[in-house]
Amino acid sequence: MKISEFFESPNGDIYSVSLSSEDGGLISNEIRKDIEKEGIIVLDVELNRIAGTNPTSTAILLKATEMLAKAFLSQPNIIICYYCDFLSLLPYVNKRRKNMTVQEYRHILFSHMFDRFVSHHNLENVNLAVLTVEGSVENYYIHVIARNEHINYISYINNSIQKDFGKP
């Protein structure tokens, strides 16, 4: 399964948001196939800037949030995994928050956006689990969104990711 949408900001920046259950995502293919046997689809999120250099606006982030929510709410058997990017720098993060990494900033932003969406839409059976993987230089944050009835898969996914990406 793959779902993609493109968004353009008023400044002309273009973004791509993709949800994919294809091999090569955050979790190993073995774990993904085990979960799929149970009828659950694990979708990895990928947000890319296609064109432009302006700061990403709240409007674009809200469009991406709506796209993710629409996909999640449209099918009762979906789990979403999101890995906070650390390669694309955010210059203003280092100016305002000298002790915060880009990865940590994106983690906090994503968590707040999730909480806001769940609160505004009165969703009671949706969970966000955050796995923190301790890297040699900085921490990495992986978010897993699942319904209450799929909470057991969160531990399974988190254990797999920790094993694959964590320090030995």
Protein backbone atom coordinates (compact mmCIF):
# COMPACT_ATOMS: atom_id res chain seq x y z
CA MET A 1 0.00 0.00 0.00
CA LYS A 2 1.32 3.45 -0.84
CA ILE A 3 -0.42 6.81 -0.48
CA SER A 4 1.23 10.06 -1.56
CA GLU A 5 0.15 13.67 -1.68
CA PHE A 6 1.91 16.86 -2.70
CA PHE A 7 1.43 20.24 -1.04
CA GLU A 8 2.54 23.67 -2.18
CA SER A 9 3.09 26.55 0.20
CA PRO A 10 2.12 30.14 -0.65
CA ASN A 11 5.86 30.79 -1.10
CA GLY A 12 6.09 28.09 -3.79
CA ASP A 13 7.79 25.39 -1.71
CA ILE A 14 6.60 21.91 -2.65
CA TYR A 15 6.35 19.00 -0.22
CA SER A 16 5.61 15.32 -0.64
CA VAL A 17 4.02 13.22 2.10
CA SER A 18 3.98 9.47 1.60
CA LEU A 19 2.61 6.59 3.60
CA SER A 20 4.01 3.24 2.56
CA SER A 21 3.85 -0.36 3.69
CA GLU A 22 6.54 -1.41 1.24
CA ASP A 23 9.73 -3.16 2.31
CA GLY A 24 12.65 -1.05 3.45
CA GLY A 25 10.85 1.06 6.02
CA LEU A 26 11.53 1.53 9.72
CA ILE A 27 10.79 -2.01 10.75
CA SER A 28 12.36 -5.14 9.38
CA ASN A 29 10.60 -6.97 6.58
CA GLU A 30 10.29 -10.03 8.84
CA ILE A 31 8.42 -8.08 11.54
CA ARG A 32 6.28 -6.30 8.95
CA LYS A 33 5.23 -9.63 7.41
CA ASP A 34 4.45 -11.10 10.86
CA ILE A 35 2.15 -8.18 11.62
CA GLU A 36 0.55 -8.30 8.17
CA LYS A 37 -0.38 -11.96 8.80
CA GLU A 38 -2.65 -10.59 11.53
CA GLY A 39 -4.35 -8.27 9.01
CA ILE A 40 -2.56 -5.14 10.25
CA ILE A 41 -0.87 -2.72 7.84
CA VAL A 42 2.17 -0.81 9.13
CA LEU A 43 2.65 2.44 7.21
CA ASP A 44 5.88 4.40 7.32
CA VAL A 45 5.64 8.17 6.93
CA GLU A 46 8.00 10.10 4.73
CA LEU A 47 7.89 13.90 4.45
CA ASN A 48 10.14 15.46 1.81
CA ARG A 49 10.70 18.94 0.51
CA ILE A 50 10.70 18.74 -3.29
CA ALA A 51 11.39 22.42 -3.98
CA GLY A 52 12.06 25.60 -2.03
CA THR A 53 14.08 26.72 0.95
CA ASN A 54 11.58 28.65 3.08
CA PRO A 55 10.75 27.52 6.62
CA THR A 56 7.96 24.94 6.63
CA SER A 57 4.77 26.71 7.61
CA THR A 58 2.22 25.56 10.12
CA ALA A 59 -0.30 25.38 7.27
CA ILE A 60 1.81 22.78 5.46
CA LEU A 61 2.29 20.77 8.66
CA LEU A 62 -1.47 20.84 9.26
CA LYS A 63 -2.12 19.62 5.69
CA ALA A 64 0.31 16.76 6.26
CA THR A 65 -1.39 15.97 9.60
CA GLU A 66 -4.81 15.89 7.94
CA MET A 67 -3.51 13.55 5.25
CA LEU A 68 -2.06 11.16 7.84
CA ALA A 69 -5.22 11.29 9.95
CA LYS A 70 -7.46 10.67 6.95
CA ALA A 71 -5.48 7.56 6.01
CA PHE A 72 -5.35 6.32 9.62
CA LEU A 73 -9.03 6.89 10.31
CA SER A 74 -10.20 5.45 6.98
CA GLN A 75 -9.09 1.91 7.83
CA PRO A 76 -9.30 0.28 11.26
CA ASN A 77 -6.25 -1.95 10.71
CA ILE A 78 -3.48 0.66 10.24
CA ILE A 79 -0.47 1.44 12.40
CA ILE A 80 1.68 4.46 11.48
CA CYS A 81 5.42 4.78 12.12
CA TYR A 82 7.26 8.08 11.82
CA TYR A 83 10.99 8.64 12.19
CA CYS A 84 12.05 12.21 12.97
CA ASP A 85 14.52 13.38 10.34
CA PHE A 86 17.86 14.70 11.49
CA LEU A 87 19.52 15.35 8.14
CA SER A 88 17.57 18.46 7.12
CA LEU A 89 18.77 21.24 9.37
CA LEU A 90 16.54 23.79 11.05
CA PRO A 91 18.73 26.89 11.50
CA TYR A 92 16.36 28.64 13.89
CA VAL A 93 16.37 25.67 16.30
CA ASN A 94 20.03 26.19 17.08
CA LYS A 95 19.53 29.92 17.58
CA ARG A 96 16.62 29.60 20.03
CA ARG A 97 17.30 26.26 21.67
CA LYS A 98 21.04 25.77 21.87
CA ASN A 99 20.84 22.43 23.71
CA MET A 100 18.14 20.89 21.49
CA THR A 101 18.95 18.73 18.48
CA VAL A 102 16.95 18.96 15.26
CA GLN A 103 15.77 15.41 15.91
CA GLU A 104 14.48 16.34 19.39
CA TYR A 105 12.76 19.48 18.07
CA ARG A 106 10.92 17.49 15.40
CA HIS A 107 9.97 14.86 17.98
CA ILE A 108 8.42 17.49 20.26
CA LEU A 109 6.65 19.19 17.35
CA PHE A 110 5.21 15.90 16.05
CA SER A 111 4.08 14.89 19.54
CA HIS A 112 2.32 18.23 20.08
CA MET A 113 0.64 18.02 16.68
CA PHE A 114 -0.59 14.51 17.50
CA ASP A 115 -1.92 15.58 20.90
CA ARG A 116 -3.66 18.59 19.37
CA PHE A 117 -5.31 16.52 16.64
CA VAL A 118 -6.50 13.82 19.06
CA SER A 119 -7.86 16.46 21.44
CA HIS A 120 -9.65 18.49 18.76
CA HIS A 121 -11.25 15.39 17.24
CA ASN A 122 -12.12 13.71 20.56
CA LEU A 123 -10.28 10.51 19.69
CA GLU A 124 -10.07 8.28 22.73
CA ASN A 125 -8.75 5.00 21.40
CA VAL A 126 -5.59 6.23 19.65
CA ASN A 127 -2.13 5.96 21.18
CA LEU A 128 1.22 7.54 20.40
CA ALA A 129 4.25 5.63 21.60
CA VAL A 130 7.67 7.21 21.27
CA LEU A 131 10.75 5.06 21.09
CA THR A 132 13.98 6.86 21.93
CA VAL A 133 17.04 5.18 20.48
CA GLU A 134 20.25 6.36 22.09
CA GLY A 135 22.79 7.10 19.38
CA SER A 136 26.47 7.73 19.93
CA VAL A 137 26.04 11.49 19.40
CA GLU A 138 22.32 12.18 19.81
CA ASN A 139 19.02 10.45 20.47
CA TYR A 140 16.69 9.37 17.68
CA TYR A 141 12.92 9.43 18.05
CA ILE A 142 10.48 7.06 16.40
CA HIS A 143 6.74 7.53 16.81
CA VAL A 144 4.23 4.71 16.51
CA ILE A 145 0.52 5.52 16.29
CA ALA A 146 -1.97 2.72 16.92
CA ARG A 147 -5.47 2.12 18.18
CA ASN A 148 -6.04 0.61 21.62
CA GLU A 149 -6.78 -2.82 20.13
CA HIS A 150 -3.35 -2.80 18.44
CA ILE A 151 -1.34 -1.70 21.46
CA ASN A 152 0.42 -5.07 21.69
CA TYR A 153 1.97 -4.39 18.26
CA ILE A 154 3.57 -1.19 19.56
CA SER A 155 5.85 -3.18 21.87
CA TYR A 156 6.62 -5.64 19.09
CA ILE A 157 7.53 -2.82 16.69
CA ASN A 158 9.50 -0.90 19.31
CA ASN A 159 11.50 -3.98 20.33
CA SER A 160 12.32 -4.67 16.69
CA ILE A 161 13.43 -1.09 16.04
CA GLN A 162 15.47 -0.97 19.24
CA LYS A 163 17.19 -4.19 18.26
CA ASP A 164 17.89 -2.98 14.71
CA PHE A 165 18.88 0.62 15.48
CA GLY A 166 19.91 0.67 19.12
CA LYS A 167 23.41 0.54 20.45
CA PRO A 168 24.75 -2.97 21.02
